Structure formats: C-alpha cells, structure tokens
Amino acid sequence: MKRVFGQGTVGLLTALAILPGLSGCNKTIDWLFDAPAQSESVQTSGKTEASVETAVPMSVAASPAAAAPVSKAAESGPTTESEIRSTLNAWRDAWAARDVDAYLAFYTPNFKGREVGPANWQASRKRVIAQAGKIELTLGEPKIVVDSLNQATVTFSQNYRSQIRSDKGIKKLQLRRSEGHWLIEEESFSPAKR
C-alpha cells in the first residue's frame, strides 16, 4: 500500500475520527483547531513532505514571516544609522578639537592606514595633528550602507583646513561594530579634482 500521510497526520485523523462522538457535548474542543507551534506532518528536519496533502491551512503550516531571513533593510534600521551618524560626528569633533586620544579611539586597534603597523600610524597621526594648529573640518551628508549586522560603509564629502594644509574630497570609511561601538577599520580619501 502506498504511503499517503506524514507522521503527524495519524494524530489529526484520530482526532477527526472522535469528533462525531463529541457532538452534543458541552465541552469545547478548541485544542483540536489550534495550530501547533510546528506541524510535524508539514515540516520534518526543515523539509516539506511532498506526499502529504496538507490538512493544516498553508498560513499555519508555513508562515512566510517565520521562515523569511532578516533583510538588510531590517538590519540597517534607524537605530543603527543613528549610531553611525553619532560616531561620525564624535570622530569629526575629536579630530577638529585635536583631542588625539579620543580621535585614535575611533579606530580599530590594528588599524595601520598606509603605515607599516598600528604604532607607526598612531605616531604619525599624533605628529600631524599636533602640528596642524586650528583645524576646521566639515563633513557632507553621509551615505550609510549597512553591509551586515556588524559592518557598514560610510561615504561623505570632507572639507579639511588647518594652518599647514587644506583639501576637499570624498572620504570612505569601513566600520566594524566591536563591543557595542562602531570603529573605523579601513579609510580612504579621494581628493577633489582642481
């Protein structure tokens, strides 16, 4: 005999068989019609049995909301973008105020820029910022792309002016969330054509 029913179907058929015997009974049988959290007849090890004619309504058996993966739009909600904007503003403020320790704290510990290693990069940044004098730093509206739950890319225009140097261009930061904070792990700058 060809098997037509899945494993959980037998329990449903048994319940349906006793249903006529309960007619006239004052006790409600809501439990029979309440869908279980996961229907065994529909899902076994993540797969749907093809030979089962589903007795449970499709909306109960395979809810699209429960099975759908989290979208990048959901990951990049207002909270994440707000955190990134706050980080970007605090980074700018620390740099413009020449608060080197606060400025360096916005970078991952292994960030080295174009230097040989992180220690060389940090020493170079300390030297450049100390010699800069007053710094004026204006950032354009950032374009934020959340690549994953813990990674994002931010692109914006940057206008930098100090006593030693001035430049304009596009800055791109690769950010990584670490221990609840967004840190810069890669940075690039493309000067504007003059």
N, C-alpha and C. Protein backbone atom coordinates (compact mmCIF):
# COMPACT_ATOMS: atom_id res chain seq x y z
N MET A 1 0.84 -1.18 0.00
CA MET A 1 0.00 0.00 0.00
C MET A 1 0.88 1.24 0.00
N LYS A 2 0.58 2.18 -0.82
CA LYS A 2 1.35 3.41 -0.96
C LYS A 2 1.09 4.31 0.24
N ARG A 3 2.17 4.87 0.82
CA ARG A 3 2.06 5.78 1.97
C ARG A 3 1.62 7.15 1.48
N VAL A 4 0.53 7.66 2.04
CA VAL A 4 -0.01 8.94 1.61
C VAL A 4 0.14 9.99 2.69
N PHE A 5 0.16 9.58 3.94
CA PHE A 5 0.15 10.52 5.06
C PHE A 5 1.52 10.63 5.72
N GLY A 6 1.82 11.79 6.25
CA GLY A 6 3.05 12.01 7.01
C GLY A 6 2.87 11.54 8.44
N GLN A 7 3.92 11.66 9.25
CA GLN A 7 3.92 11.16 10.62
C GLN A 7 2.85 11.79 11.50
N GLY A 8 2.66 13.08 11.42
CA GLY A 8 1.71 13.77 12.31
C GLY A 8 0.27 13.67 11.84
N THR A 9 0.05 13.16 10.65
CA THR A 9 -1.30 13.11 10.09
C THR A 9 -2.16 12.09 10.83
N VAL A 10 -1.56 11.02 11.33
CA VAL A 10 -2.31 9.98 12.04
C VAL A 10 -3.01 10.57 13.25
N GLY A 11 -2.32 11.44 14.02
CA GLY A 11 -2.94 12.09 15.18
C GLY A 11 -4.10 12.96 14.78
N LEU A 12 -3.99 13.65 13.67
CA LEU A 12 -5.07 14.51 13.19
C LEU A 12 -6.26 13.67 12.75
N LEU A 13 -5.99 12.55 12.05
CA LEU A 13 -7.08 11.68 11.62
C LEU A 13 -7.78 11.04 12.81
N THR A 14 -7.03 10.67 13.83
CA THR A 14 -7.62 10.10 15.04
C THR A 14 -8.54 11.12 15.69
N ALA A 15 -8.08 12.36 15.79
CA ALA A 15 -8.89 13.41 16.40
C ALA A 15 -10.15 13.65 15.59
N LEU A 16 -10.04 13.63 14.27
CA LEU A 16 -11.21 13.83 13.42
C LEU A 16 -12.18 12.66 13.54
N ALA A 17 -11.65 11.46 13.80
CA ALA A 17 -12.50 10.28 13.94
C ALA A 17 -13.34 10.37 15.21
N ILE A 18 -12.81 10.97 16.28
CA ILE A 18 -13.58 11.06 17.52
C ILE A 18 -14.48 12.27 17.56
N LEU A 19 -14.32 13.18 16.62
CA LEU A 19 -15.12 14.39 16.57
C LEU A 19 -16.62 14.11 16.54
N PRO A 20 -17.10 13.19 15.70
CA PRO A 20 -18.54 12.93 15.70
C PRO A 20 -19.04 12.45 17.06
N GLY A 21 -18.23 11.73 17.80
CA GLY A 21 -18.63 11.25 19.12
C GLY A 21 -18.77 12.36 20.13
N LEU A 22 -18.20 13.54 19.85
CA LEU A 22 -18.29 14.66 20.78
C LEU A 22 -19.44 15.58 20.47
N SER A 23 -20.16 15.30 19.40
CA SER A 23 -21.28 16.18 19.07
C SER A 23 -22.32 16.09 20.17
N GLY A 24 -22.86 17.21 20.52
CA GLY A 24 -23.81 17.27 21.61
C GLY A 24 -23.13 17.46 22.95
N CYS A 25 -21.84 17.36 23.01
CA CYS A 25 -21.08 17.56 24.25
C CYS A 25 -20.92 19.05 24.48
N ASN A 26 -21.10 19.49 25.72
CA ASN A 26 -20.99 20.91 26.02
C ASN A 26 -19.54 21.40 26.09
N LYS A 27 -18.60 20.49 26.20
CA LYS A 27 -17.19 20.86 26.33
C LYS A 27 -16.66 21.31 24.96
N THR A 28 -15.96 22.45 24.92
CA THR A 28 -15.42 22.92 23.65
C THR A 28 -14.16 22.13 23.31
N ILE A 29 -13.89 22.04 22.04
CA ILE A 29 -12.72 21.30 21.59
C ILE A 29 -11.80 22.20 20.78
N ASP A 30 -11.57 23.40 21.32
CA ASP A 30 -10.70 24.35 20.63
C ASP A 30 -9.30 23.81 20.40
N TRP A 31 -8.82 22.95 21.31
CA TRP A 31 -7.47 22.42 21.18
C TRP A 31 -7.28 21.70 19.86
N LEU A 32 -8.37 21.15 19.32
CA LEU A 32 -8.27 20.41 18.07
C LEU A 32 -7.97 21.34 16.90
N PHE A 33 -8.46 22.58 16.97
CA PHE A 33 -8.31 23.51 15.87
C PHE A 33 -7.19 24.51 16.07
N ASP A 34 -6.60 24.56 17.25
CA ASP A 34 -5.44 25.42 17.48
C ASP A 34 -4.24 24.79 16.81
N ALA A 35 -3.58 25.54 15.99
CA ALA A 35 -2.42 25.02 15.28
C ALA A 35 -1.25 24.86 16.24
N PRO A 36 -0.52 23.77 16.14
CA PRO A 36 0.67 23.60 16.97
C PRO A 36 1.76 24.56 16.53
N ALA A 37 2.76 24.75 17.38
CA ALA A 37 3.86 25.66 17.06
C ALA A 37 4.56 25.22 15.78
N GLN A 38 4.72 23.92 15.58
CA GLN A 38 5.33 23.41 14.38
C GLN A 38 4.65 22.12 14.02
N SER A 39 4.09 22.02 12.84
CA SER A 39 3.36 20.84 12.42
C SER A 39 4.34 19.78 11.93
N GLU A 40 4.33 18.61 12.58
CA GLU A 40 5.23 17.54 12.18
C GLU A 40 4.90 17.00 10.80
N SER A 41 3.61 17.04 10.44
CA SER A 41 3.22 16.50 9.14
C SER A 41 3.70 17.38 8.00
N VAL A 42 3.99 18.63 8.29
CA VAL A 42 4.41 19.53 7.24
C VAL A 42 5.91 19.70 7.23
N GLN A 43 6.53 19.80 8.43
CA GLN A 43 7.97 20.03 8.48
C GLN A 43 8.65 18.89 9.22
N THR A 44 9.58 18.24 8.56
CA THR A 44 10.44 17.25 9.20
C THR A 44 11.85 17.58 8.77
N SER A 45 12.66 17.93 9.73
CA SER A 45 14.05 18.35 9.52
C SER A 45 14.17 19.43 8.46
N GLY A 46 13.26 20.43 8.54
CA GLY A 46 13.36 21.59 7.67
C GLY A 46 12.83 21.39 6.27
N LYS A 47 12.33 20.20 5.93
CA LYS A 47 11.84 19.94 4.58
C LYS A 47 10.34 19.65 4.63
N THR A 48 9.65 19.96 3.59
CA THR A 48 8.22 19.68 3.49
C THR A 48 8.06 18.35 2.78
N GLU A 49 7.22 17.45 3.36
CA GLU A 49 6.99 16.17 2.71
C GLU A 49 6.11 16.39 1.50
N ALA A 50 6.56 15.95 0.36
CA ALA A 50 5.85 16.18 -0.88
C ALA A 50 4.61 15.30 -0.99
N SER A 51 4.60 14.12 -0.34
CA SER A 51 3.49 13.20 -0.49
C SER A 51 2.32 13.52 0.42
N VAL A 52 2.44 14.50 1.27
CA VAL A 52 1.38 14.82 2.22
C VAL A 52 0.45 15.86 1.63
N GLU A 53 -0.81 15.56 1.61
CA GLU A 53 -1.80 16.56 1.26
C GLU A 53 -2.10 17.25 2.57
N THR A 54 -1.71 18.47 2.72
CA THR A 54 -1.73 19.18 3.99
C THR A 54 -3.15 19.42 4.46
N ALA A 55 -3.43 18.93 5.69
CA ALA A 55 -4.73 19.16 6.31
C ALA A 55 -4.73 20.45 7.09
N VAL A 56 -3.55 20.96 7.40
CA VAL A 56 -3.43 22.22 8.14
C VAL A 56 -3.38 23.34 7.11
N PRO A 57 -4.08 24.45 7.34
CA PRO A 57 -4.05 25.55 6.38
C PRO A 57 -2.62 26.02 6.12
N MET A 58 -2.32 26.43 4.89
CA MET A 58 -0.98 26.82 4.49
C MET A 58 -0.46 27.97 5.34
N SER A 59 -1.32 28.91 5.75
CA SER A 59 -0.85 30.05 6.54
C SER A 59 -0.35 29.61 7.90
N VAL A 60 -0.84 28.49 8.40
CA VAL A 60 -0.38 27.97 9.69
C VAL A 60 0.85 27.11 9.50
N ALA A 61 0.83 26.28 8.46
CA ALA A 61 1.90 25.31 8.26
C ALA A 61 3.22 25.95 7.87
N ALA A 62 3.19 26.93 7.02
CA ALA A 62 4.43 27.53 6.55
C ALA A 62 4.27 29.04 6.52
N SER A 63 4.39 29.65 7.64
CA SER A 63 4.25 31.10 7.74
C SER A 63 5.45 31.78 7.11
N PRO A 64 5.27 32.60 6.06
CA PRO A 64 6.41 33.25 5.41
C PRO A 64 7.18 34.15 6.35
N ALA A 65 6.50 34.77 7.30
CA ALA A 65 7.20 35.66 8.23
C ALA A 65 8.17 34.89 9.11
N ALA A 66 7.80 33.68 9.50
CA ALA A 66 8.67 32.89 10.36
C ALA A 66 9.86 32.33 9.60
N ALA A 67 9.68 32.04 8.31
CA ALA A 67 10.74 31.42 7.54
C ALA A 67 11.65 32.42 6.85
N ALA A 68 11.21 33.66 6.70
CA ALA A 68 11.98 34.65 5.94
C ALA A 68 13.24 35.07 6.69
N PRO A 69 14.37 35.15 5.99
CA PRO A 69 15.58 35.63 6.65
C PRO A 69 15.47 37.13 6.92
N VAL A 70 16.27 37.60 7.87
CA VAL A 70 16.26 39.03 8.19
C VAL A 70 16.88 39.78 7.02
N SER A 71 16.19 40.79 6.56
CA SER A 71 16.69 41.55 5.41
C SER A 71 17.70 42.59 5.86
N LYS A 72 18.51 43.05 4.92
CA LYS A 72 19.47 44.09 5.24
C LYS A 72 18.77 45.38 5.64
N ALA A 73 17.59 45.59 5.09
CA ALA A 73 16.83 46.79 5.47
C ALA A 73 16.46 46.73 6.94
N ALA A 74 16.11 45.53 7.44
CA ALA A 74 15.77 45.40 8.85
C ALA A 74 17.01 45.60 9.71
N GLU A 75 18.17 45.11 9.23
CA GLU A 75 19.40 45.27 9.99
C GLU A 75 19.84 46.72 10.04
N SER A 76 19.55 47.48 9.01
CA SER A 76 20.01 48.85 8.94
C SER A 76 18.90 49.81 9.30
N GLY A 77 18.25 49.53 10.40
CA GLY A 77 17.16 50.38 10.86
C GLY A 77 17.66 51.72 11.35
N PRO A 78 16.72 52.56 11.78
CA PRO A 78 17.07 53.91 12.23
C PRO A 78 18.07 53.92 13.39
N THR A 79 18.01 52.92 14.27
CA THR A 79 18.92 52.89 15.41
C THR A 79 20.36 52.74 14.94
N THR A 80 20.61 51.80 14.04
CA THR A 80 21.96 51.57 13.54
C THR A 80 22.48 52.80 12.81
N GLU A 81 21.68 53.38 11.93
CA GLU A 81 22.13 54.57 11.20
C GLU A 81 22.35 55.74 12.14
N SER A 82 21.52 55.86 13.16
CA SER A 82 21.69 56.92 14.15
C SER A 82 22.99 56.73 14.93
N GLU A 83 23.30 55.48 15.29
CA GLU A 83 24.57 55.19 15.98
C GLU A 83 25.76 55.57 15.10
N ILE A 84 25.68 55.23 13.82
CA ILE A 84 26.78 55.52 12.90
C ILE A 84 26.95 57.02 12.73
N ARG A 85 25.84 57.75 12.58
CA ARG A 85 25.92 59.21 12.47
C ARG A 85 26.54 59.83 13.73
N SER A 86 26.13 59.34 14.88
CA SER A 86 26.70 59.85 16.14
C SER A 86 28.19 59.58 16.22
N THR A 87 28.60 58.38 15.80
CA THR A 87 30.02 58.03 15.78
C THR A 87 30.79 58.95 14.84
N LEU A 88 30.23 59.17 13.66
CA LEU A 88 30.88 60.03 12.67
C LEU A 88 31.04 61.46 13.20
N ASN A 89 30.01 61.99 13.82
CA ASN A 89 30.07 63.35 14.38
C ASN A 89 31.07 63.45 15.53
N ALA A 90 31.11 62.45 16.39
CA ALA A 90 32.06 62.46 17.52
C ALA A 90 33.50 62.33 17.01
N TRP A 91 33.71 61.51 15.97
CA TRP A 91 35.04 61.36 15.36
C TRP A 91 35.49 62.71 14.79
N ARG A 92 34.61 63.38 14.04
CA ARG A 92 34.91 64.70 13.48
C ARG A 92 35.25 65.70 14.59
N ASP A 93 34.43 65.73 15.64
CA ASP A 93 34.64 66.68 16.74
C ASP A 93 35.97 66.44 17.45
N ALA A 94 36.32 65.17 17.67
CA ALA A 94 37.60 64.85 18.33
C ALA A 94 38.77 65.28 17.45
N TRP A 95 38.67 65.07 16.16
CA TRP A 95 39.73 65.45 15.23
C TRP A 95 39.86 66.97 15.18
N ALA A 96 38.73 67.68 15.02
CA ALA A 96 38.77 69.15 14.94
C ALA A 96 39.26 69.78 16.25
N ALA A 97 38.96 69.15 17.38
CA ALA A 97 39.40 69.66 18.68
C ALA A 97 40.85 69.27 18.99
N ARG A 98 41.44 68.46 18.09
CA ARG A 98 42.81 67.98 18.26
C ARG A 98 42.97 67.14 19.53
N ASP A 99 41.91 66.44 19.89
CA ASP A 99 41.93 65.50 21.03
C ASP A 99 42.40 64.16 20.47
N VAL A 100 43.72 63.98 20.41
CA VAL A 100 44.31 62.85 19.72
C VAL A 100 43.87 61.51 20.32
N ASP A 101 43.84 61.41 21.64
CA ASP A 101 43.44 60.14 22.27
C ASP A 101 42.01 59.77 21.90
N ALA A 102 41.10 60.74 21.97
CA ALA A 102 39.70 60.47 21.59
C ALA A 102 39.61 60.13 20.11
N TYR A 103 40.36 60.86 19.27
CA TYR A 103 40.36 60.62 17.83
C TYR A 103 40.84 59.20 17.51
N LEU A 104 41.95 58.79 18.11
CA LEU A 104 42.51 57.45 17.84
C LEU A 104 41.60 56.34 18.36
N ALA A 105 40.78 56.62 19.37
CA ALA A 105 39.88 55.62 19.93
C ALA A 105 38.77 55.22 18.95
N PHE A 106 38.59 55.99 17.87
CA PHE A 106 37.57 55.65 16.87
C PHE A 106 38.07 54.63 15.85
N TYR A 107 39.32 54.21 15.95
CA TYR A 107 39.90 53.25 15.02
C TYR A 107 40.09 51.90 15.71
N THR A 108 40.02 50.83 14.91
CA THR A 108 40.28 49.50 15.47
C THR A 108 41.74 49.46 15.94
N PRO A 109 42.03 48.64 16.94
CA PRO A 109 43.41 48.58 17.47
C PRO A 109 44.46 48.21 16.43
N ASN A 110 44.08 47.44 15.40
CA ASN A 110 45.06 47.03 14.39
C ASN A 110 45.06 47.93 13.14
N PHE A 111 44.38 49.08 13.19
CA PHE A 111 44.36 49.99 12.05
C PHE A 111 45.76 50.55 11.83
N LYS A 112 46.22 50.51 10.57
CA LYS A 112 47.57 51.00 10.29
C LYS A 112 47.63 51.97 9.12
N GLY A 113 46.48 52.24 8.49
CA GLY A 113 46.49 53.16 7.35
C GLY A 113 47.48 52.71 6.31
N ARG A 114 48.36 53.63 5.87
CA ARG A 114 49.39 53.28 4.88
C ARG A 114 50.75 53.05 5.55
N GLU A 115 50.74 52.98 6.85
CA GLU A 115 51.99 52.78 7.60
C GLU A 115 52.32 51.29 7.73
N VAL A 116 53.49 51.01 8.25
CA VAL A 116 53.95 49.63 8.42
C VAL A 116 53.13 48.89 9.47
N GLY A 117 52.72 49.58 10.51
CA GLY A 117 51.95 48.95 11.58
C GLY A 117 51.14 49.98 12.35
N PRO A 118 50.28 49.54 13.24
CA PRO A 118 49.43 50.45 14.02
C PRO A 118 50.20 51.49 14.83
N ALA A 119 51.30 51.09 15.45
CA ALA A 119 52.08 52.03 16.27
C ALA A 119 52.65 53.17 15.41
N ASN A 120 53.12 52.84 14.22
CA ASN A 120 53.65 53.86 13.31
C ASN A 120 52.55 54.82 12.86
N TRP A 121 51.37 54.27 12.54
CA TRP A 121 50.26 55.10 12.11
C TRP A 121 49.83 56.05 13.23
N GLN A 122 49.72 55.53 14.45
CA GLN A 122 49.31 56.37 15.58
C GLN A 122 50.32 57.48 15.84
N ALA A 123 51.60 57.16 15.77
CA ALA A 123 52.64 58.18 15.98
C ALA A 123 52.56 59.25 14.90
N SER A 124 52.34 58.83 13.66
CA SER A 124 52.22 59.77 12.55
C SER A 124 51.02 60.69 12.74
N ARG A 125 49.88 60.13 13.14
CA ARG A 125 48.67 60.95 13.35
C ARG A 125 48.87 61.93 14.50
N LYS A 126 49.52 61.49 15.56
CA LYS A 126 49.79 62.40 16.70
C LYS A 126 50.65 63.58 16.25
N ARG A 127 51.66 63.30 15.47
CA ARG A 127 52.56 64.33 14.98
C ARG A 127 51.83 65.32 14.06
N VAL A 128 51.07 64.81 13.10
CA VAL A 128 50.37 65.66 12.14
C VAL A 128 49.33 66.52 12.84
N ILE A 129 48.57 65.94 13.75
CA ILE A 129 47.52 66.70 14.44
C ILE A 129 48.14 67.76 15.36
N ALA A 130 49.25 67.43 16.01
CA ALA A 130 49.91 68.40 16.90
C ALA A 130 50.43 69.61 16.11
N GLN A 131 50.92 69.39 14.89
CA GLN A 131 51.47 70.46 14.07
C GLN A 131 50.39 71.25 13.31
N ALA A 132 49.19 70.75 13.26
CA ALA A 132 48.15 71.33 12.41
C ALA A 132 47.67 72.70 12.87
N GLY A 133 47.76 73.00 14.15
CA GLY A 133 47.15 74.23 14.65
C GLY A 133 45.65 74.07 14.64
N LYS A 134 44.94 75.16 14.42
CA LYS A 134 43.48 75.10 14.39
C LYS A 134 43.01 74.27 13.18
N ILE A 135 42.05 73.36 13.44
CA ILE A 135 41.51 72.51 12.37
C ILE A 135 40.03 72.85 12.16
N GLU A 136 39.70 73.09 10.90
CA GLU A 136 38.30 73.25 10.51
C GLU A 136 37.96 72.04 9.66
N LEU A 137 36.90 71.34 10.05
CA LEU A 137 36.54 70.10 9.37
C LEU A 137 35.03 70.06 9.14
N THR A 138 34.64 70.01 7.88
CA THR A 138 33.22 69.96 7.53
C THR A 138 32.97 68.67 6.75
N LEU A 139 31.95 67.93 7.17
CA LEU A 139 31.58 66.69 6.50
C LEU A 139 30.23 66.87 5.82
N GLY A 140 30.11 66.33 4.62
CA GLY A 140 28.83 66.36 3.92
C GLY A 140 27.90 65.29 4.45
N GLU A 141 26.70 65.25 3.91
CA GLU A 141 25.71 64.25 4.30
C GLU A 141 26.24 62.85 3.99
N PRO A 142 26.33 61.99 5.01
CA PRO A 142 26.90 60.66 4.77
C PRO A 142 25.93 59.71 4.08
N LYS A 143 26.47 58.89 3.21
CA LYS A 143 25.71 57.78 2.63
C LYS A 143 26.12 56.55 3.42
N ILE A 144 25.17 55.95 4.13
CA ILE A 144 25.45 54.83 5.01
C ILE A 144 24.88 53.55 4.39
N VAL A 145 25.74 52.56 4.23
CA VAL A 145 25.31 51.24 3.75
C VAL A 145 25.71 50.23 4.81
N VAL A 146 24.70 49.59 5.40
CA VAL A 146 24.97 48.57 6.41
C VAL A 146 25.17 47.26 5.67
N ASP A 147 26.40 46.76 5.70
CA ASP A 147 26.75 45.55 4.96
C ASP A 147 26.32 44.29 5.69
N SER A 148 26.32 44.33 7.02
CA SER A 148 25.87 43.22 7.85
C SER A 148 25.59 43.80 9.23
N LEU A 149 25.24 42.94 10.16
CA LEU A 149 24.91 43.41 11.50
C LEU A 149 26.07 44.15 12.15
N ASN A 150 27.31 43.79 11.81
CA ASN A 150 28.48 44.39 12.44
C ASN A 150 29.41 45.12 11.49
N GLN A 151 28.99 45.36 10.26
CA GLN A 151 29.83 46.06 9.29
C GLN A 151 29.01 47.08 8.52
N ALA A 152 29.62 48.22 8.26
CA ALA A 152 28.96 49.27 7.48
C ALA A 152 30.00 50.05 6.70
N THR A 153 29.55 50.69 5.62
CA THR A 153 30.38 51.55 4.80
C THR A 153 29.74 52.94 4.80
N VAL A 154 30.55 53.95 5.06
CA VAL A 154 30.06 55.33 5.09
C VAL A 154 30.88 56.14 4.11
N THR A 155 30.20 56.86 3.23
CA THR A 155 30.86 57.71 2.24
C THR A 155 30.30 59.13 2.38
N PHE A 156 31.20 60.13 2.35
CA PHE A 156 30.77 61.52 2.52
C PHE A 156 31.84 62.45 1.96
N SER A 157 31.43 63.68 1.69
CA SER A 157 32.42 64.68 1.27
C SER A 157 33.09 65.23 2.53
N GLN A 158 34.37 65.56 2.40
CA GLN A 158 35.14 66.08 3.53
C GLN A 158 35.88 67.33 3.10
N ASN A 159 35.76 68.39 3.88
CA ASN A 159 36.47 69.63 3.63
C ASN A 159 37.34 69.89 4.87
N TYR A 160 38.65 69.78 4.70
CA TYR A 160 39.61 69.91 5.80
C TYR A 160 40.46 71.14 5.58
N ARG A 161 40.65 71.92 6.67
CA ARG A 161 41.53 73.08 6.59
C ARG A 161 42.28 73.22 7.92
N SER A 162 43.60 73.36 7.83
CA SER A 162 44.43 73.64 9.00
C SER A 162 45.46 74.69 8.60
N GLN A 163 46.36 75.05 9.54
CA GLN A 163 47.40 76.03 9.23
C GLN A 163 48.41 75.49 8.24
N ILE A 164 48.52 74.18 8.15
CA ILE A 164 49.50 73.55 7.28
C ILE A 164 48.94 73.12 5.94
N ARG A 165 47.70 72.69 5.92
CA ARG A 165 47.17 72.04 4.73
C ARG A 165 45.66 72.23 4.61
N SER A 166 45.16 72.16 3.41
CA SER A 166 43.71 72.14 3.19
C SER A 166 43.43 71.22 2.01
N ASP A 167 42.31 70.49 2.10
CA ASP A 167 41.90 69.65 0.99
C ASP A 167 40.41 69.36 1.07
N LYS A 168 39.88 69.02 -0.10
CA LYS A 168 38.48 68.64 -0.24
C LYS A 168 38.46 67.34 -1.01
N GLY A 169 37.46 66.52 -0.70
CA GLY A 169 37.33 65.27 -1.44
C GLY A 169 36.29 64.37 -0.84
N ILE A 170 36.35 63.12 -1.24
CA ILE A 170 35.41 62.11 -0.77
C ILE A 170 36.14 61.13 0.15
N LYS A 171 35.59 60.95 1.32
CA LYS A 171 36.15 60.01 2.29
C LYS A 171 35.23 58.81 2.37
N LYS A 172 35.84 57.63 2.47
CA LYS A 172 35.09 56.38 2.62
C LYS A 172 35.64 55.65 3.83
N LEU A 173 34.75 55.30 4.74
CA LEU A 173 35.13 54.57 5.95
C LEU A 173 34.45 53.21 5.98
N GLN A 174 35.22 52.19 6.27
CA GLN A 174 34.66 50.86 6.54
C GLN A 174 34.59 50.76 8.06
N LEU A 175 33.40 50.54 8.58
CA LEU A 175 33.20 50.47 10.02
C LEU A 175 32.90 49.04 10.45
N ARG A 176 33.32 48.72 11.66
CA ARG A 176 33.01 47.43 12.27
C ARG A 176 32.52 47.69 13.69
N ARG A 177 31.41 47.03 14.04
CA ARG A 177 30.90 47.14 15.41
C ARG A 177 31.69 46.19 16.29
N SER A 178 32.25 46.74 17.36
CA SER A 178 33.04 45.95 18.30
C SER A 178 32.65 46.36 19.72
N GLU A 179 32.18 45.39 20.47
CA GLU A 179 31.76 45.63 21.86
C GLU A 179 30.78 46.80 21.95
N GLY A 180 29.85 46.86 21.01
CA GLY A 180 28.79 47.88 21.03
C GLY A 180 29.17 49.23 20.44
N HIS A 181 30.39 49.36 19.91
CA HIS A 181 30.85 50.64 19.34
C HIS A 181 31.25 50.44 17.88
N TRP A 182 30.96 51.44 17.06
CA TRP A 182 31.39 51.41 15.66
C TRP A 182 32.81 51.98 15.58
N LEU A 183 33.73 51.19 15.02
CA LEU A 183 35.12 51.60 14.87
C LEU A 183 35.53 51.58 13.40
N ILE A 184 36.47 52.43 13.05
CA ILE A 184 36.97 52.52 11.68
C ILE A 184 38.03 51.44 11.48
N GLU A 185 37.79 50.56 10.47
CA GLU A 185 38.80 49.53 10.19
C GLU A 185 39.52 49.78 8.87
N GLU A 186 38.92 50.57 8.00
CA GLU A 186 39.58 50.98 6.75
C GLU A 186 39.13 52.40 6.43
N GLU A 187 40.03 53.16 5.82
CA GLU A 187 39.74 54.55 5.49
C GLU A 187 40.42 54.90 4.17
N SER A 188 39.69 55.60 3.29
CA SER A 188 40.31 56.07 2.05
C SER A 188 39.79 57.46 1.75
N PHE A 189 40.61 58.23 1.05
CA PHE A 189 40.27 59.60 0.71
C PHE A 189 40.64 59.84 -0.75
N SER A 190 39.67 60.36 -1.51
CA SER A 190 39.90 60.72 -2.91
C SER A 190 39.78 62.23 -3.05
N PRO A 191 40.92 62.93 -3.27
CA PRO A 191 40.85 64.39 -3.39
C PRO A 191 40.02 64.84 -4.57
N ALA A 192 39.34 65.96 -4.39
CA ALA A 192 38.54 66.54 -5.48
C ALA A 192 39.50 67.07 -6.54
N LYS A 193 39.09 66.97 -7.79
CA LYS A 193 39.92 67.48 -8.88
C LYS A 193 39.85 69.00 -8.88
N ARG A 194 41.01 69.62 -9.08
CA ARG A 194 41.08 71.10 -9.04
C ARG A 194 41.07 71.66 -10.42
